[in-house]
Amino acid sequence: MEEKKMNLRLDMDVQKLETEKLKKGKNKAERDLDSLKIDYKKLHFSMRSAELGKTSEQWCQEIQEEKIKANRWERKF
């Protein structure tokens, strides 16, 4: 009977240690995820600030406008 109690206590201790280890891992994963979210937001903001966050349609329109400007200059000179 005492041996069974001792084995149960050991099993409980092992379960507690595993639970603590999993909680620490989960907390680290959550911190890493939060950090990635912050980095993504900063990158997204930087891209918008540098006007890199345009859609393909916006880029095509801008290219067309630049071509028109270039053609006007060529005709002038």
C-alpha atoms as a PDB file:
ATOM      1  CA  MET A   1       0.000   0.000   0.000  1.00  0.00           C
ATOM      2  CA  GLU A   2       2.785   2.442   0.911  1.00  0.00           C
ATOM      3  CA  GLU A   3       4.595   1.572  -2.288  1.00  0.00           C
ATOM      4  CA  LYS A   4       1.482   2.416  -4.333  1.00  0.00           C
ATOM      5  CA  LYS A   5       1.158   5.757  -2.545  1.00  0.00           C
ATOM      6  CA  MET A   6       4.795   6.504  -3.221  1.00  0.00           C
ATOM      7  CA  ASN A   7       4.400   5.603  -6.889  1.00  0.00           C
ATOM      8  CA  LEU A   8       1.295   7.809  -7.135  1.00  0.00           C
ATOM      9  CA  ARG A   9       3.176  10.713  -5.567  1.00  0.00           C
ATOM     10  CA  LEU A  10       6.017  10.241  -8.018  1.00  0.00           C
ATOM     11  CA  ASP A  11       3.542  10.134 -10.888  1.00  0.00           C
ATOM     12  CA  MET A  12       1.954  13.352  -9.617  1.00  0.00           C
ATOM     13  CA  ASP A  13       5.358  15.027  -9.365  1.00  0.00           C
ATOM     14  CA  VAL A  14       6.211  13.989 -12.901  1.00  0.00           C
ATOM     15  CA  GLN A  15       2.847  15.279 -14.159  1.00  0.00           C
ATOM     16  CA  LYS A  16       3.387  18.594 -12.365  1.00  0.00           C
ATOM     17  CA  LEU A  17       6.836  18.988 -13.907  1.00  0.00           C
ATOM     18  CA  GLU A  18       5.504  18.194 -17.375  1.00  0.00           C
ATOM     19  CA  THR A  19       2.645  20.654 -16.880  1.00  0.00           C
ATOM     20  CA  GLU A  20       5.049  23.393 -15.798  1.00  0.00           C
ATOM     21  CA  LYS A  21       7.276  22.670 -18.784  1.00  0.00           C
ATOM     22  CA  LEU A  22       4.299  22.901 -21.158  1.00  0.00           C
ATOM     23  CA  LYS A  23       3.118  26.155 -19.568  1.00  0.00           C
ATOM     24  CA  LYS A  24       6.582  27.681 -19.959  1.00  0.00           C
ATOM     25  CA  GLY A  25       6.670  26.575 -23.591  1.00  0.00           C
ATOM     26  CA  LYS A  26       3.202  28.000 -24.206  1.00  0.00           C
ATOM     27  CA  ASN A  27       4.155  31.317 -22.598  1.00  0.00           C
ATOM     28  CA  LYS A  28       7.305  31.521 -24.727  1.00  0.00           C
ATOM     29  CA  ALA A  29       5.315  30.741 -27.877  1.00  0.00           C
ATOM     30  CA  GLU A  30       2.801  33.471 -27.000  1.00  0.00           C
ATOM     31  CA  ARG A  31       5.610  35.996 -26.421  1.00  0.00           C
ATOM     32  CA  ASP A  32       7.199  35.023 -29.731  1.00  0.00           C
ATOM     33  CA  LEU A  33       3.859  35.389 -31.508  1.00  0.00           C
ATOM     34  CA  ASP A  34       3.299  38.818 -29.971  1.00  0.00           C
ATOM     35  CA  SER A  35       6.790  39.840 -31.053  1.00  0.00           C
ATOM     36  CA  LEU A  36       6.118  38.639 -34.603  1.00  0.00           C
ATOM     37  CA  LYS A  37       2.848  40.573 -34.695  1.00  0.00           C
ATOM     38  CA  ILE A  38       4.648  43.736 -33.632  1.00  0.00           C
ATOM     39  CA  ASP A  39       7.382  43.172 -36.232  1.00  0.00           C
ATOM     40  CA  TYR A  40       4.746  42.588 -38.916  1.00  0.00           C
ATOM     41  CA  LYS A  41       2.958  45.809 -38.016  1.00  0.00           C
ATOM     42  CA  LYS A  42       6.226  47.744 -38.152  1.00  0.00           C
ATOM     43  CA  LEU A  43       7.092  46.224 -41.531  1.00  0.00           C
ATOM     44  CA  HIS A  44       3.626  46.930 -42.891  1.00  0.00           C
ATOM     45  CA  PHE A  45       3.857  50.539 -41.727  1.00  0.00           C
ATOM     46  CA  SER A  46       7.315  50.895 -43.284  1.00  0.00           C
ATOM     47  CA  MET A  47       6.067  49.503 -46.574  1.00  0.00           C
ATOM     48  CA  ARG A  48       3.164  51.940 -46.607  1.00  0.00           C
ATOM     49  CA  SER A  49       5.488  54.806 -45.725  1.00  0.00           C
ATOM     50  CA  ALA A  50       7.756  53.848 -48.614  1.00  0.00           C
ATOM     51  CA  GLU A  51       4.720  53.399 -50.882  1.00  0.00           C
ATOM     52  CA  LEU A  52       5.543  49.735 -51.422  1.00  0.00           C
ATOM     53  CA  GLY A  53       2.157  48.570 -50.208  1.00  0.00           C
ATOM     54  CA  LYS A  54       0.366  49.433 -53.432  1.00  0.00           C
ATOM     55  CA  THR A  55      -1.843  47.024 -55.282  1.00  0.00           C
ATOM     56  CA  SER A  56      -0.827  45.821 -58.727  1.00  0.00           C
ATOM     57  CA  GLU A  57      -3.524  48.014 -60.260  1.00  0.00           C
ATOM     58  CA  GLN A  58      -2.079  51.059 -58.515  1.00  0.00           C
ATOM     59  CA  TRP A  59       1.412  50.191 -59.765  1.00  0.00           C
ATOM     60  CA  CYS A  60       0.107  49.727 -63.329  1.00  0.00           C
ATOM     61  CA  GLN A  61      -1.664  53.072 -63.191  1.00  0.00           C
ATOM     62  CA  GLU A  62       1.459  54.800 -61.881  1.00  0.00           C
ATOM     63  CA  ILE A  63       3.583  53.215 -64.603  1.00  0.00           C
ATOM     64  CA  GLN A  64       1.102  54.330 -67.264  1.00  0.00           C
ATOM     65  CA  GLU A  65       1.193  57.881 -65.918  1.00  0.00           C
ATOM     66  CA  GLU A  66       4.992  57.899 -65.984  1.00  0.00           C
ATOM     67  CA  LYS A  67       5.001  56.575 -69.562  1.00  0.00           C
ATOM     68  CA  ILE A  68       2.627  59.356 -70.604  1.00  0.00           C
ATOM     69  CA  LYS A  69       4.896  61.932 -68.966  1.00  0.00           C
ATOM     70  CA  ALA A  70       7.943  60.455 -70.696  1.00  0.00           C
ATOM     71  CA  ASN A  71       6.203  60.526 -74.073  1.00  0.00           C
ATOM     72  CA  ARG A  72       5.233  64.186 -73.580  1.00  0.00           C
ATOM     73  CA  TRP A  73       8.843  65.073 -72.832  1.00  0.00           C
ATOM     74  CA  GLU A  74      10.049  63.150 -75.877  1.00  0.00           C
ATOM     75  CA  ARG A  75       7.606  64.987 -78.122  1.00  0.00           C
ATOM     76  CA  LYS A  76       8.641  68.330 -76.662  1.00  0.00           C
ATOM     77  CA  PHE A  77      12.276  67.742 -77.433  1.00  0.00           C
END
